[in-house]
């Protein structure tokens, strides 16, 4: 997607276009763009928060999961607990 198209999509999202928000979440998730996903989550997109948790979990980005969990995201807390449990299990072998 070109920069002008992306700017237009962001503009539409800021104006409340839920389809534009969904497209931005999908694009950011595909790029692994934590910054864009954080921004969208802060602006109220639960889908962005979900993708952020998923990406952070897949990549083992504990700081991001801690940040989300401390903000009340239960999914992030669960993924963080799972990662911590896996780390403990790996160390026991």
PDB file of N, CA and C in Angstrom:
ATOM      1  N   UNK A   1       0.854  -1.176   0.000  1.00  0.00           N
ATOM      2  CA  UNK A   1       0.000   0.000   0.000  1.00  0.00           C
ATOM      3  C   UNK A   1       0.895   1.234   0.000  1.00  0.00           C
ATOM      4  N   UNK A   2       0.555   2.195  -0.828  1.00  0.00           N
ATOM      5  CA  UNK A   2       1.360   3.406  -0.933  1.00  0.00           C
ATOM      6  C   UNK A   2       1.171   4.287   0.305  1.00  0.00           C
ATOM      7  N   UNK A   3       2.138   5.151   0.553  1.00  0.00           N
ATOM      8  CA  UNK A   3       2.049   6.073   1.687  1.00  0.00           C
ATOM      9  C   UNK A   3       0.799   6.957   1.622  1.00  0.00           C
ATOM     10  N   UNK A   4       0.469   7.520   0.457  1.00  0.00           N
ATOM     11  CA  UNK A   4      -0.762   8.331   0.396  1.00  0.00           C
ATOM     12  C   UNK A   4      -2.021   7.510   0.720  1.00  0.00           C
ATOM     13  N   UNK A   5      -2.054   6.262   0.254  1.00  0.00           N
ATOM     14  CA  UNK A   5      -3.204   5.400   0.556  1.00  0.00           C
ATOM     15  C   UNK A   5      -3.277   5.104   2.053  1.00  0.00           C
ATOM     16  N   UNK A   6      -2.136   4.872   2.653  1.00  0.00           N
ATOM     17  CA  UNK A   6      -2.083   4.589   4.081  1.00  0.00           C
ATOM     18  C   UNK A   6      -2.509   5.818   4.889  1.00  0.00           C
ATOM     19  N   UNK A   7      -2.064   6.987   4.478  1.00  0.00           N
ATOM     20  CA  UNK A   7      -2.485   8.230   5.153  1.00  0.00           C
ATOM     21  C   UNK A   7      -3.996   8.416   5.057  1.00  0.00           C
ATOM     22  N   UNK A   8      -4.545   8.143   3.888  1.00  0.00           N
ATOM     23  CA  UNK A   8      -5.987   8.273   3.700  1.00  0.00           C
ATOM     24  C   UNK A   8      -6.734   7.269   4.576  1.00  0.00           C
ATOM     25  N   UNK A   9      -6.222   6.070   4.654  1.00  0.00           N
ATOM     26  CA  UNK A   9      -6.838   5.037   5.485  1.00  0.00           C
ATOM     27  C   UNK A   9      -6.818   5.459   6.957  1.00  0.00           C
ATOM     28  N   UNK A  10      -5.699   6.004   7.406  1.00  0.00           N
ATOM     29  CA  UNK A  10      -5.598   6.489   8.796  1.00  0.00           C
ATOM     30  C   UNK A  10      -6.571   7.637   9.048  1.00  0.00           C
ATOM     31  N   UNK A  11      -6.690   8.504   8.083  1.00  0.00           N
ATOM     32  CA  UNK A  11      -7.624   9.631   8.214  1.00  0.00           C
ATOM     33  C   UNK A  11      -9.054   9.117   8.362  1.00  0.00           C
ATOM     34  N   UNK A  12      -9.414   8.156   7.523  1.00  0.00           N
ATOM     35  CA  UNK A  12     -10.762   7.579   7.604  1.00  0.00           C
ATOM     36  C   UNK A  12     -10.987   6.905   8.953  1.00  0.00           C
ATOM     37  N   UNK A  13      -9.962   6.213   9.434  1.00  0.00           N
ATOM     38  CA  UNK A  13     -10.067   5.530  10.732  1.00  0.00           C
ATOM     39  C   UNK A  13     -10.285   6.539  11.852  1.00  0.00           C
ATOM     40  N   UNK A  14      -9.556   7.642  11.814  1.00  0.00           N
ATOM     41  CA  UNK A  14      -9.704   8.676  12.844  1.00  0.00           C
ATOM     42  C   UNK A  14     -11.082   9.328  12.802  1.00  0.00           C
ATOM     43  N   UNK A  15     -11.725   9.259  11.659  1.00  0.00           N
ATOM     44  CA  UNK A  15     -13.072   9.817  11.515  1.00  0.00           C
ATOM     45  C   UNK A  15     -14.147   8.809  11.902  1.00  0.00           C
ATOM     46  N   UNK A  16     -13.708   7.641  12.368  1.00  0.00           N
ATOM     47  CA  UNK A  16     -14.656   6.657  12.863  1.00  0.00           C
ATOM     48  C   UNK A  16     -15.044   5.561  11.895  1.00  0.00           C
ATOM     49  N   UNK A  17     -14.366   5.457  10.777  1.00  0.00           N
ATOM     50  CA  UNK A  17     -14.656   4.416   9.787  1.00  0.00           C
ATOM     51  C   UNK A  17     -14.111   3.081  10.298  1.00  0.00           C
ATOM     52  N   UNK A  18     -15.009   2.222  10.771  1.00  0.00           N
ATOM     53  CA  UNK A  18     -14.576   0.949  11.360  1.00  0.00           C
ATOM     54  C   UNK A  18     -13.940   0.019  10.329  1.00  0.00           C
ATOM     55  N   UNK A  19     -14.358   0.117   9.082  1.00  0.00           N
ATOM     56  CA  UNK A  19     -13.720  -0.698   8.034  1.00  0.00           C
ATOM     57  C   UNK A  19     -12.252  -0.284   7.869  1.00  0.00           C
ATOM     58  N   UNK A  20     -12.005   1.018   7.928  1.00  0.00           N
ATOM     59  CA  UNK A  20     -10.636   1.518   7.808  1.00  0.00           C
ATOM     60  C   UNK A  20      -9.797   1.054   8.994  1.00  0.00           C
ATOM     61  N   UNK A  21     -10.388   1.081  10.183  1.00  0.00           N
ATOM     62  CA  UNK A  21      -9.668   0.603  11.368  1.00  0.00           C
ATOM     63  C   UNK A  21      -9.312  -0.868  11.186  1.00  0.00           C
ATOM     64  N   UNK A  22     -10.267  -1.654  10.729  1.00  0.00           N
ATOM     65  CA  UNK A  22     -10.017  -3.075  10.499  1.00  0.00           C
ATOM     66  C   UNK A  22      -8.913  -3.308   9.496  1.00  0.00           C
ATOM     67  N   UNK A  23      -8.899  -2.520   8.441  1.00  0.00           N
ATOM     68  CA  UNK A  23      -7.843  -2.656   7.431  1.00  0.00           C
ATOM     69  C   UNK A  23      -6.483  -2.297   8.020  1.00  0.00           C
ATOM     70  N   UNK A  24      -6.454  -1.225   8.822  1.00  0.00           N
ATOM     71  CA  UNK A  24      -5.193  -0.828   9.448  1.00  0.00           C
ATOM     72  C   UNK A  24      -4.680  -1.907  10.394  1.00  0.00           C
ATOM     73  N   UNK A  25      -5.591  -2.508  11.159  1.00  0.00           N
ATOM     74  CA  UNK A  25      -5.195  -3.581  12.071  1.00  0.00           C
ATOM     75  C   UNK A  25      -4.602  -4.737  11.279  1.00  0.00           C
ATOM     76  N   UNK A  26      -5.268  -5.114  10.206  1.00  0.00           N
ATOM     77  CA  UNK A  26      -4.787  -6.224   9.380  1.00  0.00           C
ATOM     78  C   UNK A  26      -3.423  -5.916   8.776  1.00  0.00           C
ATOM     79  N   UNK A  27      -3.263  -4.723   8.243  1.00  0.00           N
ATOM     80  CA  UNK A  27      -1.988  -4.336   7.651  1.00  0.00           C
ATOM     81  C   UNK A  27      -0.878  -4.294   8.699  1.00  0.00           C
ATOM     82  N   UNK A  28      -1.168  -3.686   9.835  1.00  0.00           N
ATOM     83  CA  UNK A  28      -0.165  -3.568  10.898  1.00  0.00           C
ATOM     84  C   UNK A  28       0.212  -4.948  11.432  1.00  0.00           C
ATOM     85  N   UNK A  29      -0.765  -5.818  11.573  1.00  0.00           N
ATOM     86  CA  UNK A  29      -0.480  -7.174  12.028  1.00  0.00           C
ATOM     87  C   UNK A  29       0.417  -7.906  11.055  1.00  0.00           C
ATOM     88  N   UNK A  30       0.135  -7.747   9.775  1.00  0.00           N
ATOM     89  CA  UNK A  30       0.946  -8.388   8.743  1.00  0.00           C
ATOM     90  C   UNK A  30       2.371  -7.887   8.709  1.00  0.00           C
ATOM     91  N   UNK A  31       2.553  -6.616   9.032  1.00  0.00           N
ATOM     92  CA  UNK A  31       3.896  -6.016   9.054  1.00  0.00           C
ATOM     93  C   UNK A  31       4.587  -6.211  10.395  1.00  0.00           C
ATOM     94  N   UNK A  32       3.819  -6.652  11.392  1.00  0.00           N
ATOM     95  CA  UNK A  32       4.386  -6.753  12.739  1.00  0.00           C
ATOM     96  C   UNK A  32       4.653  -5.379  13.325  1.00  0.00           C
ATOM     97  N   UNK A  33       3.790  -4.420  12.989  1.00  0.00           N
ATOM     98  CA  UNK A  33       3.975  -3.023  13.380  1.00  0.00           C
ATOM     99  C   UNK A  33       3.361  -2.776  14.763  1.00  0.00           C
ATOM    100  N   UNK A  34       4.187  -2.961  15.798  1.00  0.00           N
ATOM    101  CA  UNK A  34       3.725  -2.776  17.166  1.00  0.00           C
ATOM    102  C   UNK A  34       3.261  -1.340  17.423  1.00  0.00           C
ATOM    103  N   UNK A  35       3.950  -0.368  16.840  1.00  0.00           N
ATOM    104  CA  UNK A  35       3.614   1.035  17.068  1.00  0.00           C
ATOM    105  C   UNK A  35       2.205   1.340  16.570  1.00  0.00           C
ATOM    106  N   UNK A  36       1.905   0.928  15.356  1.00  0.00           N
ATOM    107  CA  UNK A  36       0.572   1.177  14.787  1.00  0.00           C
ATOM    108  C   UNK A  36      -0.503   0.434  15.589  1.00  0.00           C
ATOM    109  N   UNK A  37      -0.216  -0.802  15.945  1.00  0.00           N
ATOM    110  CA  UNK A  37      -1.187  -1.575  16.721  1.00  0.00           C
ATOM    111  C   UNK A  37      -1.433  -0.952  18.088  1.00  0.00           C
ATOM    112  N   UNK A  38      -0.371  -0.473  18.744  1.00  0.00           N
ATOM    113  CA  UNK A  38      -0.540   0.208  20.039  1.00  0.00           C
ATOM    114  C   UNK A  38      -1.433   1.430  19.883  1.00  0.00           C
ATOM    115  N   UNK A  39      -1.157   2.218  18.858  1.00  0.00           N
ATOM    116  CA  UNK A  39      -1.937   3.439  18.631  1.00  0.00           C
ATOM    117  C   UNK A  39      -3.409   3.099  18.428  1.00  0.00           C
ATOM    118  N   UNK A  40      -3.674   2.106  17.604  1.00  0.00           N
ATOM    119  CA  UNK A  40      -5.054   1.714  17.332  1.00  0.00           C
ATOM    120  C   UNK A  40      -5.730   1.155  18.593  1.00  0.00           C
ATOM    121  N   UNK A  41      -4.978   0.400  19.378  1.00  0.00           N
ATOM    122  CA  UNK A  41      -5.536  -0.145  20.623  1.00  0.00           C
ATOM    123  C   UNK A  41      -5.870   0.977  21.599  1.00  0.00           C
ATOM    124  N   UNK A  42      -4.973   1.940  21.716  1.00  0.00           N
ATOM    125  CA  UNK A  42      -5.215   3.086  22.604  1.00  0.00           C
ATOM    126  C   UNK A  42      -6.446   3.862  22.152  1.00  0.00           C
ATOM    127  N   UNK A  43      -6.658   3.910  20.847  1.00  0.00           N
ATOM    128  CA  UNK A  43      -7.815   4.615  20.305  1.00  0.00           C
ATOM    129  C   UNK A  43      -9.100   3.793  20.416  1.00  0.00           C
ATOM    130  N   UNK A  44      -8.992   2.584  20.985  1.00  0.00           N
ATOM    131  CA  UNK A  44     -10.187   1.815  21.277  1.00  0.00           C
ATOM    132  C   UNK A  44     -10.427   0.568  20.458  1.00  0.00           C
ATOM    133  N   UNK A  45      -9.494   0.177  19.606  1.00  0.00           N
ATOM    134  CA  UNK A  45      -9.689  -1.022  18.794  1.00  0.00           C
ATOM    135  C   UNK A  45      -9.311  -2.266  19.590  1.00  0.00           C
ATOM    136  N   UNK A  46     -10.324  -3.035  19.954  1.00  0.00           N
ATOM    137  CA  UNK A  46     -10.049  -4.293  20.664  1.00  0.00           C
ATOM    138  C   UNK A  46      -9.371  -5.290  19.729  1.00  0.00           C
ATOM    139  N   UNK A  47      -9.665  -5.198  18.428  1.00  0.00           N
ATOM    140  CA  UNK A  47      -8.990  -6.078  17.464  1.00  0.00           C
ATOM    141  C   UNK A  47      -7.488  -5.803  17.438  1.00  0.00           C
ATOM    142  N   UNK A  48      -7.121  -4.524  17.493  1.00  0.00           N
ATOM    143  CA  UNK A  48      -5.698  -4.171  17.516  1.00  0.00           C
ATOM    144  C   UNK A  48      -5.032  -4.714  18.772  1.00  0.00           C
ATOM    145  N   UNK A  49      -5.715  -4.617  19.901  1.00  0.00           N
ATOM    146  CA  UNK A  49      -5.169  -5.146  21.149  1.00  0.00           C
ATOM    147  C   UNK A  49      -4.992  -6.662  21.049  1.00  0.00           C
ATOM    148  N   UNK A  50      -5.971  -7.334  20.451  1.00  0.00           N
ATOM    149  CA  UNK A  50      -5.879  -8.785  20.289  1.00  0.00           C
ATOM    150  C   UNK A  50      -4.685  -9.176  19.419  1.00  0.00           C
ATOM    151  N   UNK A  51      -4.500  -8.464  18.319  1.00  0.00           N
ATOM    152  CA  UNK A  51      -3.381  -8.769  17.419  1.00  0.00           C
ATOM    153  C   UNK A  51      -2.060  -8.448  18.109  1.00  0.00           C
ATOM    154  N   UNK A  52      -2.047  -7.376  18.876  1.00  0.00           N
ATOM    155  CA  UNK A  52      -0.842  -7.004  19.618  1.00  0.00           C
ATOM    156  C   UNK A  52      -0.457  -8.102  20.609  1.00  0.00           C
ATOM    157  N   UNK A  53      -1.425  -8.637  21.324  1.00  0.00           N
ATOM    158  CA  UNK A  53      -1.167  -9.733  22.258  1.00  0.00           C
ATOM    159  C   UNK A  53      -0.646 -10.951  21.489  1.00  0.00           C
ATOM    160  N   UNK A  54      -1.284 -11.256  20.380  1.00  0.00           N
ATOM    161  CA  UNK A  54      -0.884 -12.411  19.579  1.00  0.00           C
ATOM    162  C   UNK A  54       0.562 -12.270  19.087  1.00  0.00           C
ATOM    163  N   UNK A  55       0.884 -11.109  18.521  1.00  0.00           N
ATOM    164  CA  UNK A  55       2.246 -10.885  18.016  1.00  0.00           C
ATOM    165  C   UNK A  55       3.275 -10.929  19.139  1.00  0.00           C
ATOM    166  N   UNK A  56       2.955 -10.256  20.236  1.00  0.00           N
ATOM    167  CA  UNK A  56       3.894 -10.229  21.364  1.00  0.00           C
ATOM    168  C   UNK A  56       4.111 -11.640  21.902  1.00  0.00           C
ATOM    169  N   UNK A  57       3.054 -12.420  21.949  1.00  0.00           N
ATOM    170  CA  UNK A  57       3.176 -13.795  22.411  1.00  0.00           C
ATOM    171  C   UNK A  57       4.016 -14.643  21.476  1.00  0.00           C
ATOM    172  N   UNK A  58       3.760 -14.515  20.168  1.00  0.00           N
ATOM    173  CA  UNK A  58       4.521 -15.284  19.180  1.00  0.00           C
ATOM    174  C   UNK A  58       6.004 -14.946  19.215  1.00  0.00           C
ATOM    175  N   UNK A  59       6.293 -13.680  19.446  1.00  0.00           N
ATOM    176  CA  UNK A  59       7.683 -13.221  19.414  1.00  0.00           C
ATOM    177  C   UNK A  59       8.334 -13.215  20.788  1.00  0.00           C
ATOM    178  N   UNK A  60       7.553 -13.545  21.814  1.00  0.00           N
ATOM    179  CA  UNK A  60       8.095 -13.580  23.172  1.00  0.00           C
ATOM    180  C   UNK A  60       8.459 -12.209  23.715  1.00  0.00           C
ATOM    181  N   UNK A  61       7.701 -11.188  23.321  1.00  0.00           N
ATOM    182  CA  UNK A  61       7.977  -9.817  23.755  1.00  0.00           C
ATOM    183  C   UNK A  61       7.270  -9.585  25.095  1.00  0.00           C
ATOM    184  N   UNK A  62       7.941 -10.010  26.141  1.00  0.00           N
ATOM    185  CA  UNK A  62       7.345  -9.970  27.482  1.00  0.00           C
ATOM    186  C   UNK A  62       7.040  -8.547  27.954  1.00  0.00           C
ATOM    187  N   UNK A  63       7.898  -7.592  27.623  1.00  0.00           N
ATOM    188  CA  UNK A  63       7.644  -6.207  28.062  1.00  0.00           C
ATOM    189  C   UNK A  63       6.317  -5.694  27.526  1.00  0.00           C
ATOM    190  N   UNK A  64       6.017  -6.016  26.285  1.00  0.00           N
ATOM    191  CA  UNK A  64       4.748  -5.586  25.692  1.00  0.00           C
ATOM    192  C   UNK A  64       3.583  -6.283  26.391  1.00  0.00           C
ATOM    193  N   UNK A  65       3.742  -7.567  26.641  1.00  0.00           N
ATOM    194  CA  UNK A  65       2.688  -8.310  27.332  1.00  0.00           C
ATOM    195  C   UNK A  65       2.490  -7.774  28.747  1.00  0.00           C
ATOM    196  N   UNK A  66       3.582  -7.442  29.438  1.00  0.00           N
ATOM    197  CA  UNK A  66       3.460  -6.863  30.788  1.00  0.00           C
ATOM    198  C   UNK A  66       2.735  -5.529  30.739  1.00  0.00           C
ATOM    199  N   UNK A  67       3.074  -4.703  29.748  1.00  0.00           N
ATOM    200  CA  UNK A  67       2.431  -3.397  29.613  1.00  0.00           C
ATOM    201  C   UNK A  67       0.930  -3.562  29.413  1.00  0.00           C
ATOM    202  N   UNK A  68       0.559  -4.477  28.535  1.00  0.00           N
ATOM    203  CA  UNK A  68      -0.861  -4.719  28.268  1.00  0.00           C
ATOM    204  C   UNK A  68      -1.560  -5.307  29.487  1.00  0.00           C
ATOM    205  N   UNK A  69      -0.902  -6.263  30.128  1.00  0.00           N
ATOM    206  CA  UNK A  69      -1.498  -6.899  31.313  1.00  0.00           C
ATOM    207  C   UNK A  69      -1.689  -5.883  32.436  1.00  0.00           C
ATOM    208  N   UNK A  70      -0.720  -4.996  32.612  1.00  0.00           N
ATOM    209  CA  UNK A  70      -0.849  -3.994  33.676  1.00  0.00           C
ATOM    210  C   UNK A  70      -1.972  -3.010  33.380  1.00  0.00           C
ATOM    211  N   UNK A  71      -2.342  -2.914  32.108  1.00  0.00           N
ATOM    212  CA  UNK A  71      -3.471  -2.071  31.719  1.00  0.00           C
ATOM    213  C   UNK A  71      -4.800  -2.804  31.789  1.00  0.00           C
ATOM    214  N   UNK A  72      -4.769  -4.055  32.257  1.00  0.00           N
ATOM    215  CA  UNK A  72      -6.003  -4.804  32.438  1.00  0.00           C
ATOM    216  C   UNK A  72      -6.327  -5.814  31.352  1.00  0.00           C
ATOM    217  N   UNK A  73      -5.433  -6.016  30.409  1.00  0.00           N
ATOM    218  CA  UNK A  73      -5.696  -6.980  29.342  1.00  0.00           C
ATOM    219  C   UNK A  73      -5.446  -8.390  29.869  1.00  0.00           C
ATOM    220  N   UNK A  74      -6.534  -9.117  30.091  1.00  0.00           N
ATOM    221  CA  UNK A  74      -6.438 -10.460  30.660  1.00  0.00           C
ATOM    222  C   UNK A  74      -5.778 -11.450  29.708  1.00  0.00           C
ATOM    223  N   UNK A  75      -6.012 -11.283  28.404  1.00  0.00           N
ATOM    224  CA  UNK A  75      -5.372 -12.175  27.432  1.00  0.00           C
ATOM    225  C   UNK A  75      -3.858 -12.047  27.491  1.00  0.00           C
ATOM    226  N   UNK A  76      -3.379 -10.806  27.615  1.00  0.00           N
ATOM    227  CA  UNK A  76      -1.932 -10.583  27.711  1.00  0.00           C
ATOM    228  C   UNK A  76      -1.374 -11.237  28.971  1.00  0.00           C
ATOM    229  N   UNK A  77      -2.109 -11.127  30.065  1.00  0.00           N
ATOM    230  CA  UNK A  77      -1.668 -11.746  31.316  1.00  0.00           C
ATOM    231  C   UNK A  77      -1.583 -13.262  31.169  1.00  0.00           C
ATOM    232  N   UNK A  78      -2.552 -13.851  30.489  1.00  0.00           N
ATOM    233  CA  UNK A  78      -2.553 -15.304  30.289  1.00  0.00           C
ATOM    234  C   UNK A  78      -1.385 -15.743  29.407  1.00  0.00           C
ATOM    235  N   UNK A  79      -1.155 -15.006  28.315  1.00  0.00           N
ATOM    236  CA  UNK A  79      -0.049 -15.357  27.413  1.00  0.00           C
ATOM    237  C   UNK A  79       1.280 -15.206  28.140  1.00  0.00           C
ATOM    238  N   UNK A  80       1.416 -14.147  28.914  1.00  0.00           N
ATOM    239  CA  UNK A  80       2.639 -13.929  29.683  1.00  0.00           C
ATOM    240  C   UNK A  80       2.864 -15.073  30.663  1.00  0.00           C
ATOM    241  N   UNK A  81       1.813 -15.503  31.340  1.00  0.00           N
ATOM    242  CA  UNK A  81       1.924 -16.629  32.274  1.00  0.00           C
ATOM    243  C   UNK A  81       2.342 -17.898  31.536  1.00  0.00           C
ATOM    244  N   UNK A  82       1.785 -18.106  30.346  1.00  0.00           N
ATOM    245  CA  UNK A  82       2.159 -19.284  29.555  1.00  0.00           C
ATOM    246  C   UNK A  82       3.631 -19.232  29.151  1.00  0.00           C
ATOM    247  N   UNK A  83       4.091 -18.057  28.729  1.00  0.00           N
ATOM    248  CA  UNK A  83       5.504 -17.919  28.358  1.00  0.00           C
ATOM    249  C   UNK A  83       6.408 -18.161  29.556  1.00  0.00           C
ATOM    250  N   UNK A  84       6.008 -17.616  30.700  1.00  0.00           N
ATOM    251  CA  UNK A  84       6.810 -17.809  31.908  1.00  0.00           C
ATOM    252  C   UNK A  84       6.849 -19.285  32.300  1.00  0.00           C
ATOM    253  N   UNK A  85       5.716 -19.958  32.151  1.00  0.00           N
ATOM    254  CA  UNK A  85       5.649 -21.390  32.479  1.00  0.00           C
ATOM    255  C   UNK A  85       6.540 -22.192  31.533  1.00  0.00           C
ATOM    256  N   UNK A  86       6.520 -21.833  30.247  1.00  0.00           N
ATOM    257  CA  UNK A  86       7.370 -22.529  29.269  1.00  0.00           C
ATOM    258  C   UNK A  86       8.837 -22.332  29.597  1.00  0.00           C
ATOM    259  N   UNK A  87       9.191 -21.116  30.021  1.00  0.00           N
ATOM    260  CA  UNK A  87      10.576 -20.831  30.371  1.00  0.00           C
ATOM    261  C   UNK A  87      11.008 -21.665  31.567  1.00  0.00           C
ATOM    262  N   UNK A  88      10.125 -21.791  32.532  1.00  0.00           N
ATOM    263  CA  UNK A  88      10.409 -22.593  33.724  1.00  0.00           C
ATOM    264  C   UNK A  88      10.558 -24.059  33.340  1.00  0.00           C
ATOM    265  N   UNK A  89       9.660 -24.531  32.485  1.00  0.00           N
ATOM    266  CA  UNK A  89       9.716 -25.929  32.037  1.00  0.00           C
ATOM    267  C   UNK A  89      11.003 -26.204  31.266  1.00  0.00           C
ATOM    268  N   UNK A  90      11.404 -25.261  30.407  1.00  0.00           N
ATOM    269  CA  UNK A  90      12.635 -25.437  29.618  1.00  0.00           C
ATOM    270  C   UNK A  90      13.867 -25.502  30.518  1.00  0.00           C
ATOM    271  N   UNK A  91      13.852 -24.724  31.583  1.00  0.00           N
ATOM    272  CA  UNK A  91      14.993 -24.691  32.487  1.00  0.00           C
ATOM    273  C   UNK A  91      15.110 -25.936  33.332  1.00  0.00           C
ATOM    274  N   UNK A  92      14.010 -26.659  33.493  1.00  0.00           N
ATOM    275  CA  UNK A  92      14.023 -27.843  34.332  1.00  0.00           C
ATOM    276  C   UNK A  92      14.610 -29.058  33.639  1.00  0.00           C
ATOM    277  N   UNK A  93      14.706 -29.002  32.324  1.00  0.00           N
ATOM    278  CA  UNK A  93      15.180 -30.171  31.574  1.00  0.00           C
ATOM    279  C   UNK A  93      16.681 -30.238  31.507  1.00  0.00           C
TER     280      UNK A  93
END
